[in-house]
């Protein structure tokens, strides 16, 4: 697992996430551990290295 820190697009708190390097491209929704709002996560890994990460708010 790879730990990655980023800023929540809603509350702007720094949060951490464990990334699974066995799947090279991932897209999913995860709730912020601070404000509980849903965050759209997109990421890409190559050879167990994070090469792309995006965390966006979900428009309602």
PDB file of N, CA and C in Angstrom:
ATOM      1  N   UNK A   1       0.845  -1.176   0.000  1.00  0.00           N
ATOM      2  CA  UNK A   1       0.000   0.000   0.000  1.00  0.00           C
ATOM      3  C   UNK A   1       0.897   1.249   0.000  1.00  0.00           C
ATOM      4  N   UNK A   2       0.363   2.284  -0.625  1.00  0.00           N
ATOM      5  CA  UNK A   2       1.072   3.562  -0.708  1.00  0.00           C
ATOM      6  C   UNK A   2       0.213   4.604  -0.003  1.00  0.00           C
ATOM      7  N   UNK A   3       0.785   5.316   0.959  1.00  0.00           N
ATOM      8  CA  UNK A   3       0.045   6.381   1.623  1.00  0.00           C
ATOM      9  C   UNK A   3       0.229   7.678   0.851  1.00  0.00           C
ATOM     10  N   UNK A   4      -0.890   8.353   0.582  1.00  0.00           N
ATOM     11  CA  UNK A   4      -0.860   9.606  -0.174  1.00  0.00           C
ATOM     12  C   UNK A   4      -1.659  10.658   0.584  1.00  0.00           C
ATOM     13  N   UNK A   5      -1.087  11.854   0.732  1.00  0.00           N
ATOM     14  CA  UNK A   5      -1.752  12.960   1.404  1.00  0.00           C
ATOM     15  C   UNK A   5      -2.251  13.953   0.363  1.00  0.00           C
ATOM     16  N   UNK A   6      -3.447  14.479   0.572  1.00  0.00           N
ATOM     17  CA  UNK A   6      -4.006  15.484  -0.338  1.00  0.00           C
ATOM     18  C   UNK A   6      -4.992  16.351   0.435  1.00  0.00           C
ATOM     19  N   UNK A   7      -5.437  17.422  -0.208  1.00  0.00           N
ATOM     20  CA  UNK A   7      -6.353  18.364   0.418  1.00  0.00           C
ATOM     21  C   UNK A   7      -7.782  18.101  -0.039  1.00  0.00           C
ATOM     22  N   UNK A   8      -8.701  18.039   0.913  1.00  0.00           N
ATOM     23  CA  UNK A   8     -10.108  17.837   0.592  1.00  0.00           C
ATOM     24  C   UNK A   8     -10.610  19.038  -0.210  1.00  0.00           C
ATOM     25  N   UNK A   9     -11.325  18.812  -1.321  1.00  0.00           N
ATOM     26  CA  UNK A   9     -11.836  19.927  -2.123  1.00  0.00           C
ATOM     27  C   UNK A   9     -13.004  20.674  -1.471  1.00  0.00           C
ATOM     28  N   UNK A  10     -13.511  20.167  -0.359  1.00  0.00           N
ATOM     29  CA  UNK A  10     -14.614  20.824   0.347  1.00  0.00           C
ATOM     30  C   UNK A  10     -14.114  21.609   1.559  1.00  0.00           C
ATOM     31  N   UNK A  11     -13.476  20.919   2.511  1.00  0.00           N
ATOM     32  CA  UNK A  11     -13.080  21.551   3.779  1.00  0.00           C
ATOM     33  C   UNK A  11     -11.613  21.978   3.796  1.00  0.00           C
ATOM     34  N   UNK A  12     -10.861  21.595   2.768  1.00  0.00           N
ATOM     35  CA  UNK A  12      -9.458  21.964   2.588  1.00  0.00           C
ATOM     36  C   UNK A  12      -8.513  21.414   3.668  1.00  0.00           C
ATOM     37  N   UNK A  13      -8.990  20.444   4.428  1.00  0.00           N
ATOM     38  CA  UNK A  13      -8.128  19.769   5.398  1.00  0.00           C
ATOM     39  C   UNK A  13      -7.246  18.762   4.674  1.00  0.00           C
ATOM     40  N   UNK A  14      -6.050  18.554   5.191  1.00  0.00           N
ATOM     41  CA  UNK A  14      -5.175  17.532   4.617  1.00  0.00           C
ATOM     42  C   UNK A  14      -5.625  16.177   5.146  1.00  0.00           C
ATOM     43  N   UNK A  15      -5.868  15.253   4.226  1.00  0.00           N
ATOM     44  CA  UNK A  15      -6.261  13.903   4.606  1.00  0.00           C
ATOM     45  C   UNK A  15      -5.329  12.910   3.921  1.00  0.00           C
ATOM     46  N   UNK A  16      -5.277  11.709   4.446  1.00  0.00           N
ATOM     47  CA  UNK A  16      -4.427  10.688   3.846  1.00  0.00           C
ATOM     48  C   UNK A  16      -5.293   9.544   3.337  1.00  0.00           C
ATOM     49  N   UNK A  17      -4.752   8.862   2.358  1.00  0.00           N
ATOM     50  CA  UNK A  17      -5.455   7.747   1.742  1.00  0.00           C
ATOM     51  C   UNK A  17      -4.432   6.664   1.434  1.00  0.00           C
ATOM     52  N   UNK A  18      -4.823   5.413   1.648  1.00  0.00           N
ATOM     53  CA  UNK A  18      -3.971   4.293   1.271  1.00  0.00           C
ATOM     54  C   UNK A  18      -4.353   3.842  -0.127  1.00  0.00           C
ATOM     55  N   UNK A  19      -3.374   3.807  -1.020  1.00  0.00           N
ATOM     56  CA  UNK A  19      -3.607   3.433  -2.411  1.00  0.00           C
ATOM     57  C   UNK A  19      -3.098   2.018  -2.655  1.00  0.00           C
ATOM     58  N   UNK A  20      -3.860   1.258  -3.395  1.00  0.00           N
ATOM     59  CA  UNK A  20      -3.515  -0.120  -3.721  1.00  0.00           C
ATOM     60  C   UNK A  20      -2.725  -0.137  -5.037  1.00  0.00           C
ATOM     61  N   UNK A  21      -1.426  -0.429  -5.005  1.00  0.00           N
ATOM     62  CA  UNK A  21      -0.620  -0.403  -6.226  1.00  0.00           C
ATOM     63  C   UNK A  21      -0.853  -1.586  -7.167  1.00  0.00           C
ATOM     64  N   UNK A  22      -1.685  -2.552  -6.776  1.00  0.00           N
ATOM     65  CA  UNK A  22      -1.925  -3.705  -7.649  1.00  0.00           C
ATOM     66  C   UNK A  22      -2.870  -3.366  -8.808  1.00  0.00           C
ATOM     67  N   UNK A  23      -3.545  -2.214  -8.737  1.00  0.00           N
ATOM     68  CA  UNK A  23      -4.442  -1.770  -9.811  1.00  0.00           C
ATOM     69  C   UNK A  23      -3.880  -0.456 -10.343  1.00  0.00           C
ATOM     70  N   UNK A  24      -3.470  -0.438 -11.609  1.00  0.00           N
ATOM     71  CA  UNK A  24      -2.745   0.718 -12.142  1.00  0.00           C
ATOM     72  C   UNK A  24      -3.606   1.959 -12.349  1.00  0.00           C
ATOM     73  N   UNK A  25      -4.870   1.795 -12.745  1.00  0.00           N
ATOM     74  CA  UNK A  25      -5.770   2.940 -12.923  1.00  0.00           C
ATOM     75  C   UNK A  25      -6.997   2.726 -12.054  1.00  0.00           C
ATOM     76  N   UNK A  26      -7.329   3.768 -11.292  1.00  0.00           N
ATOM     77  CA  UNK A  26      -8.467   3.651 -10.392  1.00  0.00           C
ATOM     78  C   UNK A  26      -9.313   4.913 -10.455  1.00  0.00           C
ATOM     79  N   UNK A  27     -10.614   4.722 -10.333  1.00  0.00           N
ATOM     80  CA  UNK A  27     -11.566   5.829 -10.270  1.00  0.00           C
ATOM     81  C   UNK A  27     -12.669   5.404  -9.317  1.00  0.00           C
ATOM     82  N   UNK A  28     -12.871   6.170  -8.261  1.00  0.00           N
ATOM     83  CA  UNK A  28     -13.902   5.820  -7.290  1.00  0.00           C
ATOM     84  C   UNK A  28     -14.269   7.036  -6.452  1.00  0.00           C
ATOM     85  N   UNK A  29     -15.281   6.884  -5.628  1.00  0.00           N
ATOM     86  CA  UNK A  29     -15.740   7.951  -4.739  1.00  0.00           C
ATOM     87  C   UNK A  29     -15.459   7.508  -3.313  1.00  0.00           C
ATOM     88  N   UNK A  30     -14.885   8.429  -2.540  1.00  0.00           N
ATOM     89  CA  UNK A  30     -14.609   8.160  -1.137  1.00  0.00           C
ATOM     90  C   UNK A  30     -14.989   9.388  -0.327  1.00  0.00           C
ATOM     91  N   UNK A  31     -15.593   9.175   0.830  1.00  0.00           N
ATOM     92  CA  UNK A  31     -15.977  10.297   1.678  1.00  0.00           C
ATOM     93  C   UNK A  31     -14.773  10.852   2.425  1.00  0.00           C
ATOM     94  N   UNK A  32     -14.745  12.186   2.574  1.00  0.00           N
ATOM     95  CA  UNK A  32     -13.692  12.845   3.358  1.00  0.00           C
ATOM     96  C   UNK A  32     -13.803  12.378   4.800  1.00  0.00           C
ATOM     97  N   UNK A  33     -12.689  12.054   5.419  1.00  0.00           N
ATOM     98  CA  UNK A  33     -12.701  11.593   6.806  1.00  0.00           C
ATOM     99  C   UNK A  33     -12.950  12.729   7.795  1.00  0.00           C
ATOM    100  N   UNK A  34     -12.890  13.978   7.341  1.00  0.00           N
ATOM    101  CA  UNK A  34     -13.126  15.131   8.208  1.00  0.00           C
ATOM    102  C   UNK A  34     -14.555  15.660   8.056  1.00  0.00           C
ATOM    103  N   UNK A  35     -14.952  16.023   6.823  1.00  0.00           N
ATOM    104  CA  UNK A  35     -16.267  16.657   6.611  1.00  0.00           C
ATOM    105  C   UNK A  35     -17.320  15.701   6.041  1.00  0.00           C
ATOM    106  N   UNK A  36     -16.934  14.497   5.663  1.00  0.00           N
ATOM    107  CA  UNK A  36     -17.834  13.436   5.169  1.00  0.00           C
ATOM    108  C   UNK A  36     -18.443  13.694   3.790  1.00  0.00           C
ATOM    109  N   UNK A  37     -17.975  14.704   3.065  1.00  0.00           N
ATOM    110  CA  UNK A  37     -18.467  14.938   1.709  1.00  0.00           C
ATOM    111  C   UNK A  37     -17.827  13.948   0.737  1.00  0.00           C
ATOM    112  N   UNK A  38     -18.539  13.584  -0.340  1.00  0.00           N
ATOM    113  CA  UNK A  38     -18.001  12.624  -1.314  1.00  0.00           C
ATOM    114  C   UNK A  38     -16.951  13.264  -2.223  1.00  0.00           C
ATOM    115  N   UNK A  39     -15.839  12.575  -2.395  1.00  0.00           N
ATOM    116  CA  UNK A  39     -14.732  13.054  -3.229  1.00  0.00           C
ATOM    117  C   UNK A  39     -14.531  12.064  -4.374  1.00  0.00           C
ATOM    118  N   UNK A  40     -14.496  12.591  -5.596  1.00  0.00           N
ATOM    119  CA  UNK A  40     -14.206  11.772  -6.783  1.00  0.00           C
ATOM    120  C   UNK A  40     -12.686  11.623  -6.882  1.00  0.00           C
ATOM    121  N   UNK A  41     -12.189  10.401  -6.779  1.00  0.00           N
ATOM    122  CA  UNK A  41     -10.756  10.119  -6.825  1.00  0.00           C
ATOM    123  C   UNK A  41     -10.418   9.482  -8.171  1.00  0.00           C
ATOM    124  N   UNK A  42      -9.409  10.010  -8.834  1.00  0.00           N
ATOM    125  CA  UNK A  42      -8.855   9.429 -10.062  1.00  0.00           C
ATOM    126  C   UNK A  42      -7.354   9.330  -9.861  1.00  0.00           C
ATOM    127  N   UNK A  43      -6.799   8.167 -10.141  1.00  0.00           N
ATOM    128  CA  UNK A  43      -5.360   8.023  -9.960  1.00  0.00           C
ATOM    129  C   UNK A  43      -4.783   7.010 -10.927  1.00  0.00           C
ATOM    130  N   UNK A  44      -3.477   7.137 -11.116  1.00  0.00           N
ATOM    131  CA  UNK A  44      -2.753   6.204 -11.974  1.00  0.00           C
ATOM    132  C   UNK A  44      -1.408   5.912 -11.332  1.00  0.00           C
ATOM    133  N   UNK A  45      -1.056   4.633 -11.342  1.00  0.00           N
ATOM    134  CA  UNK A  45       0.220   4.192 -10.793  1.00  0.00           C
ATOM    135  C   UNK A  45       1.000   3.442 -11.857  1.00  0.00           C
ATOM    136  N   UNK A  46       2.304   3.621 -11.845  1.00  0.00           N
ATOM    137  CA  UNK A  46       3.201   2.871 -12.727  1.00  0.00           C
ATOM    138  C   UNK A  46       4.362   2.355 -11.894  1.00  0.00           C
ATOM    139  N   UNK A  47       4.558   1.053 -11.930  1.00  0.00           N
ATOM    140  CA  UNK A  47       5.646   0.406 -11.185  1.00  0.00           C
ATOM    141  C   UNK A  47       5.657   0.833  -9.718  1.00  0.00           C
ATOM    142  N   UNK A  48       4.469   0.767  -9.097  1.00  0.00           N
ATOM    143  CA  UNK A  48       4.276   1.115  -7.684  1.00  0.00           C
ATOM    144  C   UNK A  48       4.574   2.569  -7.357  1.00  0.00           C
ATOM    145  N   UNK A  49       4.574   3.438  -8.366  1.00  0.00           N
ATOM    146  CA  UNK A  49       4.775   4.876  -8.158  1.00  0.00           C
ATOM    147  C   UNK A  49       3.527   5.614  -8.619  1.00  0.00           C
ATOM    148  N   UNK A  50       3.071   6.560  -7.812  1.00  0.00           N
ATOM    149  CA  UNK A  50       1.922   7.376  -8.177  1.00  0.00           C
ATOM    150  C   UNK A  50       2.348   8.394  -9.232  1.00  0.00           C
ATOM    151  N   UNK A  51       1.735   8.343 -10.416  1.00  0.00           N
ATOM    152  CA  UNK A  51       2.088   9.263 -11.503  1.00  0.00           C
ATOM    153  C   UNK A  51       0.980  10.279 -11.777  1.00  0.00           C
ATOM    154  N   UNK A  52      -0.239  10.023 -11.283  1.00  0.00           N
ATOM    155  CA  UNK A  52      -1.335  10.954 -11.479  1.00  0.00           C
ATOM    156  C   UNK A  52      -2.316  10.781 -10.334  1.00  0.00           C
ATOM    157  N   UNK A  53      -2.763  11.913  -9.764  1.00  0.00           N
ATOM    158  CA  UNK A  53      -3.758  11.864  -8.696  1.00  0.00           C
ATOM    159  C   UNK A  53      -4.619  13.106  -8.782  1.00  0.00           C
ATOM    160  N   UNK A  54      -5.935  12.893  -8.726  1.00  0.00           N
ATOM    161  CA  UNK A  54      -6.870  14.006  -8.768  1.00  0.00           C
ATOM    162  C   UNK A  54      -7.994  13.720  -7.788  1.00  0.00           C
ATOM    163  N   UNK A  55      -8.330  14.713  -6.955  1.00  0.00           N
ATOM    164  CA  UNK A  55      -9.427  14.602  -5.998  1.00  0.00           C
ATOM    165  C   UNK A  55     -10.346  15.794  -6.214  1.00  0.00           C
ATOM    166  N   UNK A  56     -11.581  15.530  -6.669  1.00  0.00           N
ATOM    167  CA  UNK A  56     -12.517  16.606  -7.007  1.00  0.00           C
ATOM    168  C   UNK A  56     -13.812  16.470  -6.224  1.00  0.00           C
ATOM    169  N   UNK A  57     -14.447  17.631  -6.013  1.00  0.00           N
ATOM    170  CA  UNK A  57     -15.777  17.628  -5.422  1.00  0.00           C
ATOM    171  C   UNK A  57     -16.769  17.086  -6.449  1.00  0.00           C
ATOM    172  N   UNK A  58     -17.876  16.601  -5.963  1.00  0.00           N
ATOM    173  CA  UNK A  58     -18.919  16.071  -6.830  1.00  0.00           C
ATOM    174  C   UNK A  58     -20.033  17.106  -6.880  1.00  0.00           C
ATOM    175  N   UNK A  59     -20.334  17.574  -8.087  1.00  0.00           N
ATOM    176  CA  UNK A  59     -21.387  18.578  -8.244  1.00  0.00           C
ATOM    177  C   UNK A  59     -22.743  17.934  -8.009  1.00  0.00           C
ATOM    178  N   UNK A  60     -23.556  18.625  -7.227  1.00  0.00           N
ATOM    179  CA  UNK A  60     -24.880  18.078  -6.890  1.00  0.00           C
ATOM    180  C   UNK A  60     -25.962  18.963  -7.446  1.00  0.00           C
TER     181      UNK A  60
END
